[in-house]
Amino acid sequence: MTYKGYTARIDFDDRNNLLVGRLLGVQDVIGFH
């Protein structure tokens, strides 16, 4: 997904039945689900 010039990698966590994302290209670890 892309927003305001930032891209996130999207995966599916089948153990928890969740969509999980992680912001790419930044030094900090920024995740969401």
PDB file of all heavy atoms in Angstrom:
ATOM      1  N   MET A   1       0.864  -1.171   0.000  1.00  0.00           N
ATOM      2  CA  MET A   1       0.000   0.000   0.000  1.00  0.00           C
ATOM      3  C   MET A   1       0.901   1.221   0.000  1.00  0.00           C
ATOM      4  O   MET A   1       2.008   1.175   0.541  1.00  0.00           O
ATOM      5  CB  MET A   1      -0.870   0.054   1.260  1.00  0.00           C
ATOM      6  CG  MET A   1      -1.953  -0.951   1.339  1.00  0.00           C
ATOM      7  SD  MET A   1      -2.920  -0.672   2.858  1.00  0.00           S
ATOM      8  CE  MET A   1      -4.263  -1.792   2.542  1.00  0.00           C
ATOM      9  N   THR A   2       0.433   2.317  -0.588  1.00  0.00           N
ATOM     10  CA  THR A   2       1.195   3.554  -0.618  1.00  0.00           C
ATOM     11  C   THR A   2       0.328   4.699  -0.130  1.00  0.00           C
ATOM     12  O   THR A   2      -0.865   4.761  -0.437  1.00  0.00           O
ATOM     13  CB  THR A   2       1.685   3.848  -2.053  1.00  0.00           C
ATOM     14  OG1 THR A   2       2.452   2.725  -2.512  1.00  0.00           O
ATOM     15  CG2 THR A   2       2.547   5.093  -2.103  1.00  0.00           C
ATOM     16  N   TYR A   3       0.957   5.589   0.655  1.00  0.00           N
ATOM     17  CA  TYR A   3       0.261   6.751   1.200  1.00  0.00           C
ATOM     18  C   TYR A   3       1.298   7.821   1.502  1.00  0.00           C
ATOM     19  O   TYR A   3       2.305   7.543   2.167  1.00  0.00           O
ATOM     20  CB  TYR A   3      -0.488   6.347   2.468  1.00  0.00           C
ATOM     21  CG  TYR A   3      -1.175   7.466   3.212  1.00  0.00           C
ATOM     22  CD1 TYR A   3      -2.279   8.119   2.671  1.00  0.00           C
ATOM     23  CD2 TYR A   3      -0.740   7.864   4.462  1.00  0.00           C
ATOM     24  CE1 TYR A   3      -2.918   9.122   3.369  1.00  0.00           C
ATOM     25  CE2 TYR A   3      -1.370   8.863   5.171  1.00  0.00           C
ATOM     26  CZ  TYR A   3      -2.467   9.496   4.617  1.00  0.00           C
ATOM     27  OH  TYR A   3      -3.101  10.507   5.306  1.00  0.00           O
ATOM     28  N   LYS A   4       1.076   9.039   0.992  1.00  0.00           N
ATOM     29  CA  LYS A   4       1.968  10.184   1.220  1.00  0.00           C
ATOM     30  C   LYS A   4       3.425   9.845   0.900  1.00  0.00           C
ATOM     31  O   LYS A   4       4.347  10.284   1.583  1.00  0.00           O
ATOM     32  CB  LYS A   4       1.847  10.696   2.652  1.00  0.00           C
ATOM     33  CG  LYS A   4       0.508  11.351   2.949  1.00  0.00           C
ATOM     34  CD  LYS A   4       0.495  12.002   4.304  1.00  0.00           C
ATOM     35  CE  LYS A   4      -0.832  12.713   4.537  1.00  0.00           C
ATOM     36  NZ  LYS A   4      -0.904  13.345   5.868  1.00  0.00           N
ATOM     37  N   GLY A   5       3.635   9.048  -0.126  1.00  0.00           N
ATOM     38  CA  GLY A   5       4.988   8.703  -0.544  1.00  0.00           C
ATOM     39  C   GLY A   5       5.624   7.562   0.226  1.00  0.00           C
ATOM     40  O   GLY A   5       6.766   7.186  -0.045  1.00  0.00           O
ATOM     41  N   TYR A   6       4.922   6.991   1.192  1.00  0.00           N
ATOM     42  CA  TYR A   6       5.436   5.868   1.970  1.00  0.00           C
ATOM     43  C   TYR A   6       4.763   4.585   1.506  1.00  0.00           C
ATOM     44  O   TYR A   6       3.595   4.584   1.143  1.00  0.00           O
ATOM     45  CB  TYR A   6       5.167   6.071   3.471  1.00  0.00           C
ATOM     46  CG  TYR A   6       6.015   7.173   4.058  1.00  0.00           C
ATOM     47  CD1 TYR A   6       5.552   8.484   4.064  1.00  0.00           C
ATOM     48  CD2 TYR A   6       7.273   6.913   4.585  1.00  0.00           C
ATOM     49  CE1 TYR A   6       6.323   9.507   4.580  1.00  0.00           C
ATOM     50  CE2 TYR A   6       8.054   7.925   5.110  1.00  0.00           C
ATOM     51  CZ  TYR A   6       7.577   9.222   5.102  1.00  0.00           C
ATOM     52  OH  TYR A   6       8.344  10.235   5.607  1.00  0.00           O
ATOM     53  N   THR A   7       5.525   3.513   1.547  1.00  0.00           N
ATOM     54  CA  THR A   7       5.025   2.217   1.113  1.00  0.00           C
ATOM     55  C   THR A   7       5.094   1.245   2.281  1.00  0.00           C
ATOM     56  O   THR A   7       6.038   1.278   3.075  1.00  0.00           O
ATOM     57  CB  THR A   7       5.861   1.674  -0.065  1.00  0.00           C
ATOM     58  OG1 THR A   7       5.781   2.609  -1.142  1.00  0.00           O
ATOM     59  CG2 THR A   7       5.357   0.320  -0.535  1.00  0.00           C
ATOM     60  N   ALA A   8       4.105   0.390   2.363  1.00  0.00           N
ATOM     61  CA  ALA A   8       4.074  -0.647   3.390  1.00  0.00           C
ATOM     62  C   ALA A   8       3.948  -2.006   2.727  1.00  0.00           C
ATOM     63  O   ALA A   8       3.238  -2.163   1.740  1.00  0.00           O
ATOM     64  CB  ALA A   8       2.905  -0.433   4.342  1.00  0.00           C
ATOM     65  N   ARG A   9       4.649  -2.952   3.276  1.00  0.00           N
ATOM     66  CA  ARG A   9       4.519  -4.347   2.851  1.00  0.00           C
ATOM     67  C   ARG A   9       3.347  -4.947   3.608  1.00  0.00           C
ATOM     68  O   ARG A   9       3.220  -4.779   4.826  1.00  0.00           O
ATOM     69  CB  ARG A   9       5.795  -5.106   3.188  1.00  0.00           C
ATOM     70  CG  ARG A   9       5.702  -6.567   2.850  1.00  0.00           C
ATOM     71  CD  ARG A   9       6.927  -7.312   3.298  1.00  0.00           C
ATOM     72  NE  ARG A   9       6.728  -8.716   3.033  1.00  0.00           N
ATOM     73  CZ  ARG A   9       7.708  -9.540   2.695  1.00  0.00           C
ATOM     74  NH1 ARG A   9       8.935  -9.096   2.617  1.00  0.00           N
ATOM     75  NH2 ARG A   9       7.446 -10.797   2.454  1.00  0.00           N
ATOM     76  N   ILE A  10       2.501  -5.681   2.915  1.00  0.00           N
ATOM     77  CA  ILE A  10       1.316  -6.276   3.514  1.00  0.00           C
ATOM     78  C   ILE A  10       1.419  -7.799   3.451  1.00  0.00           C
ATOM     79  O   ILE A  10       1.691  -8.370   2.391  1.00  0.00           O
ATOM     80  CB  ILE A  10       0.027  -5.829   2.782  1.00  0.00           C
ATOM     81  CG1 ILE A  10      -0.043  -4.304   2.674  1.00  0.00           C
ATOM     82  CG2 ILE A  10      -1.200  -6.411   3.458  1.00  0.00           C
ATOM     83  CD1 ILE A  10      -0.022  -3.565   3.980  1.00  0.00           C
ATOM     84  N   ASP A  11       1.196  -8.443   4.587  1.00  0.00           N
ATOM     85  CA  ASP A  11       1.203  -9.900   4.676  1.00  0.00           C
ATOM     86  C   ASP A  11      -0.050 -10.363   5.412  1.00  0.00           C
ATOM     87  O   ASP A  11      -0.713  -9.574   6.091  1.00  0.00           O
ATOM     88  CB  ASP A  11       2.435 -10.391   5.440  1.00  0.00           C
ATOM     89  CG  ASP A  11       3.727 -10.110   4.689  1.00  0.00           C
ATOM     90  OD1 ASP A  11       3.825 -10.516   3.516  1.00  0.00           O
ATOM     91  OD2 ASP A  11       4.623  -9.485   5.282  1.00  0.00           O
ATOM     92  N   PHE A  12      -0.336 -11.643   5.288  1.00  0.00           N
ATOM     93  CA  PHE A  12      -1.446 -12.237   6.016  1.00  0.00           C
ATOM     94  C   PHE A  12      -0.885 -13.171   7.075  1.00  0.00           C
ATOM     95  O   PHE A  12      -0.094 -14.065   6.773  1.00  0.00           O
ATOM     96  CB  PHE A  12      -2.375 -13.012   5.079  1.00  0.00           C
ATOM     97  CG  PHE A  12      -3.526 -13.660   5.793  1.00  0.00           C
ATOM     98  CD1 PHE A  12      -4.535 -12.890   6.339  1.00  0.00           C
ATOM     99  CD2 PHE A  12      -3.581 -15.026   5.943  1.00  0.00           C
ATOM    100  CE1 PHE A  12      -5.593 -13.476   7.023  1.00  0.00           C
ATOM    101  CE2 PHE A  12      -4.634 -15.634   6.611  1.00  0.00           C
ATOM    102  CZ  PHE A  12      -5.639 -14.845   7.150  1.00  0.00           C
ATOM    103  N   ASP A  13      -1.262 -12.950   8.315  1.00  0.00           N
ATOM    104  CA  ASP A  13      -0.859 -13.807   9.428  1.00  0.00           C
ATOM    105  C   ASP A  13      -1.957 -14.845   9.631  1.00  0.00           C
ATOM    106  O   ASP A  13      -2.988 -14.558  10.236  1.00  0.00           O
ATOM    107  CB  ASP A  13      -0.672 -12.948  10.681  1.00  0.00           C
ATOM    108  CG  ASP A  13      -0.314 -13.748  11.914  1.00  0.00           C
ATOM    109  OD1 ASP A  13      -0.362 -14.999  11.884  1.00  0.00           O
ATOM    110  OD2 ASP A  13       0.011 -13.117  12.934  1.00  0.00           O
ATOM    111  N   ASP A  14      -1.749 -16.040   9.098  1.00  0.00           N
ATOM    112  CA  ASP A  14      -2.806 -17.048   9.166  1.00  0.00           C
ATOM    113  C   ASP A  14      -2.962 -17.646  10.565  1.00  0.00           C
ATOM    114  O   ASP A  14      -4.005 -18.184  10.893  1.00  0.00           O
ATOM    115  CB  ASP A  14      -2.620 -18.137   8.121  1.00  0.00           C
ATOM    116  CG  ASP A  14      -1.349 -18.935   8.273  1.00  0.00           C
ATOM    117  OD1 ASP A  14      -0.416 -18.456   8.940  1.00  0.00           O
ATOM    118  OD2 ASP A  14      -1.290 -20.035   7.706  1.00  0.00           O
ATOM    119  N   ARG A  15      -1.958 -17.524  11.402  1.00  0.00           N
ATOM    120  CA  ARG A  15      -2.078 -18.017  12.775  1.00  0.00           C
ATOM    121  C   ARG A  15      -3.084 -17.170  13.558  1.00  0.00           C
ATOM    122  O   ARG A  15      -3.879 -17.690  14.322  1.00  0.00           O
ATOM    123  CB  ARG A  15      -0.733 -17.998  13.488  1.00  0.00           C
ATOM    124  CG  ARG A  15      -0.842 -18.606  14.876  1.00  0.00           C
ATOM    125  CD  ARG A  15       0.410 -18.598  15.723  1.00  0.00           C
ATOM    126  NE  ARG A  15       1.658 -18.590  15.012  1.00  0.00           N
ATOM    127  CZ  ARG A  15       2.802 -18.161  15.542  1.00  0.00           C
ATOM    128  NH1 ARG A  15       2.827 -17.711  16.780  1.00  0.00           N
ATOM    129  NH2 ARG A  15       3.915 -18.181  14.851  1.00  0.00           N
ATOM    130  N   ASN A  16      -3.035 -15.845  13.349  1.00  0.00           N
ATOM    131  CA  ASN A  16      -3.927 -14.936  14.066  1.00  0.00           C
ATOM    132  C   ASN A  16      -5.061 -14.408  13.200  1.00  0.00           C
ATOM    133  O   ASN A  16      -5.861 -13.598  13.656  1.00  0.00           O
ATOM    134  CB  ASN A  16      -3.128 -13.774  14.643  1.00  0.00           C
ATOM    135  CG  ASN A  16      -2.137 -14.237  15.685  1.00  0.00           C
ATOM    136  OD1 ASN A  16      -2.497 -14.948  16.611  1.00  0.00           O
ATOM    137  ND2 ASN A  16      -0.881 -13.856  15.525  1.00  0.00           N
ATOM    138  N   ASN A  17      -5.096 -14.836  11.936  1.00  0.00           N
ATOM    139  CA  ASN A  17      -6.135 -14.423  10.997  1.00  0.00           C
ATOM    140  C   ASN A  17      -6.213 -12.897  10.861  1.00  0.00           C
ATOM    141  O   ASN A  17      -7.287 -12.306  10.939  1.00  0.00           O
ATOM    142  CB  ASN A  17      -7.489 -15.008  11.394  1.00  0.00           C
ATOM    143  CG  ASN A  17      -8.444 -15.082  10.236  1.00  0.00           C
ATOM    144  OD1 ASN A  17      -8.030 -15.315   9.099  1.00  0.00           O
ATOM    145  ND2 ASN A  17      -9.714 -14.889  10.494  1.00  0.00           N
ATOM    146  N   LEU A  18      -5.030 -12.276  10.673  1.00  0.00           N
ATOM    147  CA  LEU A  18      -4.923 -10.819  10.568  1.00  0.00           C
ATOM    148  C   LEU A  18      -4.144 -10.412   9.331  1.00  0.00           C
ATOM    149  O   LEU A  18      -3.240 -11.124   8.887  1.00  0.00           O
ATOM    150  CB  LEU A  18      -4.154 -10.241  11.766  1.00  0.00           C
ATOM    151  CG  LEU A  18      -4.824 -10.199  13.114  1.00  0.00           C
ATOM    152  CD1 LEU A  18      -3.822  -9.760  14.175  1.00  0.00           C
ATOM    153  CD2 LEU A  18      -6.002  -9.251  13.094  1.00  0.00           C
ATOM    154  N   LEU A  19      -4.461  -9.245   8.812  1.00  0.00           N
ATOM    155  CA  LEU A  19      -3.631  -8.592   7.815  1.00  0.00           C
ATOM    156  C   LEU A  19      -2.616  -7.751   8.585  1.00  0.00           C
ATOM    157  O   LEU A  19      -2.976  -7.032   9.526  1.00  0.00           O
ATOM    158  CB  LEU A  19      -4.480  -7.705   6.911  1.00  0.00           C
ATOM    159  CG  LEU A  19      -5.495  -8.455   6.054  1.00  0.00           C
ATOM    160  CD1 LEU A  19      -6.530  -7.488   5.505  1.00  0.00           C
ATOM    161  CD2 LEU A  19      -4.794  -9.184   4.927  1.00  0.00           C
ATOM    162  N   VAL A  20      -1.354  -7.852   8.193  1.00  0.00           N
ATOM    163  CA  VAL A  20      -0.274  -7.187   8.916  1.00  0.00           C
ATOM    164  C   VAL A  20       0.536  -6.362   7.936  1.00  0.00           C
ATOM    165  O   VAL A  20       0.876  -6.829   6.843  1.00  0.00           O
ATOM    166  CB  VAL A  20       0.638  -8.229   9.605  1.00  0.00           C
ATOM    167  CG1 VAL A  20       1.767  -7.553  10.347  1.00  0.00           C
ATOM    168  CG2 VAL A  20      -0.172  -9.115  10.530  1.00  0.00           C
ATOM    169  N   GLY A  21       0.860  -5.131   8.326  1.00  0.00           N
ATOM    170  CA  GLY A  21       1.658  -4.271   7.475  1.00  0.00           C
ATOM    171  C   GLY A  21       2.871  -3.749   8.206  1.00  0.00           C
ATOM    172  O   GLY A  21       2.894  -3.659   9.431  1.00  0.00           O
ATOM    173  N   ARG A  22       3.897  -3.409   7.414  1.00  0.00           N
ATOM    174  CA  ARG A  22       5.121  -2.831   7.963  1.00  0.00           C
ATOM    175  C   ARG A  22       5.611  -1.771   6.993  1.00  0.00           C
ATOM    176  O   ARG A  22       5.746  -2.019   5.796  1.00  0.00           O
ATOM    177  CB  ARG A  22       6.170  -3.904   8.154  1.00  0.00           C
ATOM    178  CG  ARG A  22       7.418  -3.369   8.795  1.00  0.00           C
ATOM    179  CD  ARG A  22       8.315  -4.466   9.234  1.00  0.00           C
ATOM    180  NE  ARG A  22       9.512  -3.879   9.818  1.00  0.00           N
ATOM    181  CZ  ARG A  22      10.445  -4.562  10.399  1.00  0.00           C
ATOM    182  NH1 ARG A  22      10.347  -5.862  10.470  1.00  0.00           N
ATOM    183  NH2 ARG A  22      11.491  -3.972  10.903  1.00  0.00           N
ATOM    184  N   LEU A  23       5.862  -0.588   7.536  1.00  0.00           N
ATOM    185  CA  LEU A  23       6.331   0.535   6.731  1.00  0.00           C
ATOM    186  C   LEU A  23       7.749   0.267   6.251  1.00  0.00           C
ATOM    187  O   LEU A  23       8.619  -0.144   7.035  1.00  0.00           O
ATOM    188  CB  LEU A  23       6.282   1.804   7.578  1.00  0.00           C
ATOM    189  CG  LEU A  23       6.272   3.131   6.854  1.00  0.00           C
ATOM    190  CD1 LEU A  23       5.066   3.251   5.942  1.00  0.00           C
ATOM    191  CD2 LEU A  23       6.272   4.271   7.851  1.00  0.00           C
ATOM    192  N   LEU A  24       7.997   0.478   4.968  1.00  0.00           N
ATOM    193  CA  LEU A  24       9.302   0.230   4.368  1.00  0.00           C
ATOM    194  C   LEU A  24      10.072   1.543   4.194  1.00  0.00           C
ATOM    195  O   LEU A  24       9.478   2.606   4.061  1.00  0.00           O
ATOM    196  CB  LEU A  24       9.130  -0.422   2.998  1.00  0.00           C
ATOM    197  CG  LEU A  24       8.371  -1.738   2.956  1.00  0.00           C
ATOM    198  CD1 LEU A  24       8.180  -2.187   1.508  1.00  0.00           C
ATOM    199  CD2 LEU A  24       9.108  -2.805   3.750  1.00  0.00           C
ATOM    200  N   GLY A  25      11.388   1.442   4.202  1.00  0.00           N
ATOM    201  CA  GLY A  25      12.221   2.586   3.879  1.00  0.00           C
ATOM    202  C   GLY A  25      12.446   3.572   5.011  1.00  0.00           C
ATOM    203  O   GLY A  25      12.905   4.684   4.777  1.00  0.00           O
ATOM    204  N   VAL A  26      12.126   3.178   6.242  1.00  0.00           N
ATOM    205  CA  VAL A  26      12.389   4.024   7.404  1.00  0.00           C
ATOM    206  C   VAL A  26      13.202   3.218   8.409  1.00  0.00           C
ATOM    207  O   VAL A  26      13.124   1.988   8.432  1.00  0.00           O
ATOM    208  CB  VAL A  26      11.093   4.555   8.062  1.00  0.00           C
ATOM    209  CG1 VAL A  26      10.333   5.447   7.105  1.00  0.00           C
ATOM    210  CG2 VAL A  26      10.204   3.434   8.540  1.00  0.00           C
ATOM    211  N   GLN A  27      13.995   3.917   9.226  1.00  0.00           N
ATOM    212  CA  GLN A  27      14.839   3.208  10.188  1.00  0.00           C
ATOM    213  C   GLN A  27      14.037   2.650  11.358  1.00  0.00           C
ATOM    214  O   GLN A  27      14.417   1.651  11.955  1.00  0.00           O
ATOM    215  CB  GLN A  27      15.940   4.124  10.696  1.00  0.00           C
ATOM    216  CG  GLN A  27      16.959   4.436   9.638  1.00  0.00           C
ATOM    217  CD  GLN A  27      18.090   5.290  10.169  1.00  0.00           C
ATOM    218  OE1 GLN A  27      17.961   5.930  11.203  1.00  0.00           O
ATOM    219  NE2 GLN A  27      19.189   5.305   9.453  1.00  0.00           N
ATOM    220  N   ASP A  28      12.936   3.297  11.698  1.00  0.00           N
ATOM    221  CA  ASP A  28      12.100   2.824  12.797  1.00  0.00           C
ATOM    222  C   ASP A  28      11.272   1.623  12.353  1.00  0.00           C
ATOM    223  O   ASP A  28      10.993   1.452  11.172  1.00  0.00           O
ATOM    224  CB  ASP A  28      11.152   3.932  13.258  1.00  0.00           C
ATOM    225  CG  ASP A  28      11.894   5.149  13.775  1.00  0.00           C
ATOM    226  OD1 ASP A  28      12.851   4.969  14.547  1.00  0.00           O
ATOM    227  OD2 ASP A  28      11.525   6.270  13.387  1.00  0.00           O
ATOM    228  N   VAL A  29      10.886   0.793  13.306  1.00  0.00           N
ATOM    229  CA  VAL A  29       9.992  -0.320  13.022  1.00  0.00           C
ATOM    230  C   VAL A  29       8.570   0.183  13.242  1.00  0.00           C
ATOM    231  O   VAL A  29       8.185   0.503  14.367  1.00  0.00           O
ATOM    232  CB  VAL A  29      10.284  -1.534  13.927  1.00  0.00           C
ATOM    233  CG1 VAL A  29       9.274  -2.638  13.672  1.00  0.00           C
ATOM    234  CG2 VAL A  29      11.700  -2.031  13.708  1.00  0.00           C
ATOM    235  N   ILE A  30       7.819   0.285  12.162  1.00  0.00           N
ATOM    236  CA  ILE A  30       6.453   0.790  12.230  1.00  0.00           C
ATOM    237  C   ILE A  30       5.542  -0.259  11.622  1.00  0.00           C
ATOM    238  O   ILE A  30       5.590  -0.521  10.421  1.00  0.00           O
ATOM    239  CB  ILE A  30       6.315   2.127  11.484  1.00  0.00           C
ATOM    240  CG1 ILE A  30       7.275   3.145  12.102  1.00  0.00           C
ATOM    241  CG2 ILE A  30       4.876   2.615  11.529  1.00  0.00           C
ATOM    242  CD1 ILE A  30       7.403   4.429  11.337  1.00  0.00           C
ATOM    243  N   GLY A  31       4.752  -0.865  12.464  1.00  0.00           N
ATOM    244  CA  GLY A  31       3.847  -1.914  12.017  1.00  0.00           C
ATOM    245  C   GLY A  31       2.414  -1.576  12.369  1.00  0.00           C
ATOM    246  O   GLY A  31       2.143  -0.713  13.213  1.00  0.00           O
ATOM    247  N   PHE A  32       1.498  -2.276  11.736  1.00  0.00           N
ATOM    248  CA  PHE A  32       0.074  -2.082  11.968  1.00  0.00           C
ATOM    249  C   PHE A  32      -0.639  -3.346  11.528  1.00  0.00           C
ATOM    250  O   PHE A  32      -0.074  -4.163  10.803  1.00  0.00           O
ATOM    251  CB  PHE A  32      -0.447  -0.844  11.216  1.00  0.00           C
ATOM    252  CG  PHE A  32      -0.080  -0.828   9.762  1.00  0.00           C
ATOM    253  CD1 PHE A  32      -0.961  -1.313   8.816  1.00  0.00           C
ATOM    254  CD2 PHE A  32       1.153  -0.357   9.337  1.00  0.00           C
ATOM    255  CE1 PHE A  32      -0.624  -1.334   7.471  1.00  0.00           C
ATOM    256  CE2 PHE A  32       1.500  -0.360   7.995  1.00  0.00           C
ATOM    257  CZ  PHE A  32       0.608  -0.844   7.059  1.00  0.00           C
ATOM    258  N   HIS A  33      -1.869  -3.514  11.991  1.00  0.00           N
ATOM    259  CA  HIS A  33      -2.622  -4.711  11.621  1.00  0.00           C
ATOM    260  C   HIS A  33      -4.113  -4.424  11.680  1.00  0.00           C
ATOM    261  O   HIS A  33      -4.545  -3.434  12.276  1.00  0.00           O
ATOM    262  CB  HIS A  33      -2.277  -5.882  12.541  1.00  0.00           C
ATOM    263  CG  HIS A  33      -2.663  -5.651  13.957  1.00  0.00           C
ATOM    264  ND1 HIS A  33      -1.848  -4.967  14.842  1.00  0.00           N
ATOM    265  CD2 HIS A  33      -3.770  -5.979  14.655  1.00  0.00           C
ATOM    266  CE1 HIS A  33      -2.449  -4.901  16.004  1.00  0.00           C
ATOM    267  NE2 HIS A  33      -3.617  -5.515  15.921  1.00  0.00           N
TER     268      HIS A  33
END
